[in-house]
Protein backbone atom coordinates (compact mmCIF):
# COMPACT_ATOMS: atom_id res chain seq x y z
CA MET A 1 5.50 -8.56 4.20
CA ILE A 2 5.21 -11.60 2.00
CA LYS A 3 8.13 -12.32 -0.33
CA ASP A 4 7.14 -12.84 -3.96
CA VAL A 5 8.37 -16.44 -3.93
CA ASN A 6 6.01 -17.18 -1.02
CA LEU A 7 3.00 -15.28 -2.38
CA THR A 8 0.05 -17.48 -3.16
CA ALA A 9 -3.68 -16.95 -2.94
CA ASP A 10 -3.64 -18.87 0.35
CA THR A 11 -0.83 -16.83 1.95
CA MET A 12 -2.45 -13.58 0.85
CA LEU A 13 -5.84 -14.65 2.20
CA ALA A 14 -4.26 -15.70 5.50
CA SER A 15 -2.50 -12.34 5.83
CA ILE A 16 -5.61 -10.35 5.00
CA SER A 17 -7.68 -12.41 7.42
CA GLU A 18 -5.11 -11.83 10.16
CA ILE A 19 -5.16 -8.07 9.59
CA PHE A 20 -8.96 -7.81 9.57
CA SER A 21 -9.36 -9.99 12.64
CA ASP A 22 -6.93 -7.91 14.74
CA GLU A 23 -8.28 -4.37 15.24
CA GLU A 24 -5.02 -3.08 16.73
CA LEU A 25 -2.97 -4.43 13.81
CA TYR A 26 -5.52 -3.05 11.34
CA GLN A 27 -5.33 0.44 12.87
CA ALA A 28 -1.52 0.37 13.00
CA MET A 29 -1.31 -0.61 9.34
CA SER A 30 -3.85 2.04 8.42
CA VAL A 31 -1.80 4.77 10.09
CA ALA A 32 1.43 3.46 8.54
CA SER A 33 -0.07 3.43 5.04
CA GLU A 34 -1.25 7.03 5.42
CA LYS A 35 2.24 8.11 6.48
CA ALA A 36 3.86 6.27 3.56
CA GLY A 37 1.51 7.66 0.93
CA VAL A 38 1.87 10.77 -1.19
CA PRO A 39 -1.59 12.37 -1.30
CA ASP A 40 -0.88 14.51 -4.37
CA ALA A 41 1.12 11.89 -6.27
CA SER A 42 -1.08 11.97 -9.37
CA ASP A 43 -0.86 15.78 -9.58
CA ARG A 44 2.90 15.69 -9.13
CA LEU A 45 3.28 13.01 -11.79
CA TYR A 46 1.08 14.99 -14.18
CA GLN A 47 3.22 18.10 -13.70
CA LEU A 48 6.40 16.10 -14.25
CA VAL A 49 5.06 14.61 -17.48
CA LYS A 50 4.07 18.09 -18.69
CA GLU A 51 7.60 19.36 -17.99
CA ILE A 52 9.25 16.43 -19.75
CA LYS A 53 6.95 16.83 -22.73
CA LYS A 54 8.08 20.45 -23.32
């Protein structure tokens, strides 16, 4: 995680390069992102907006 105050193009590029050059880290982050995501988020948001609009 990069704090906003430390985020620059160079720090982001370095982080991305590190992830893509380390297969184990890449796979771990891939699995973690799938677990953190909400696959039907857009559908749920749409339904919520429809309910609020009523």
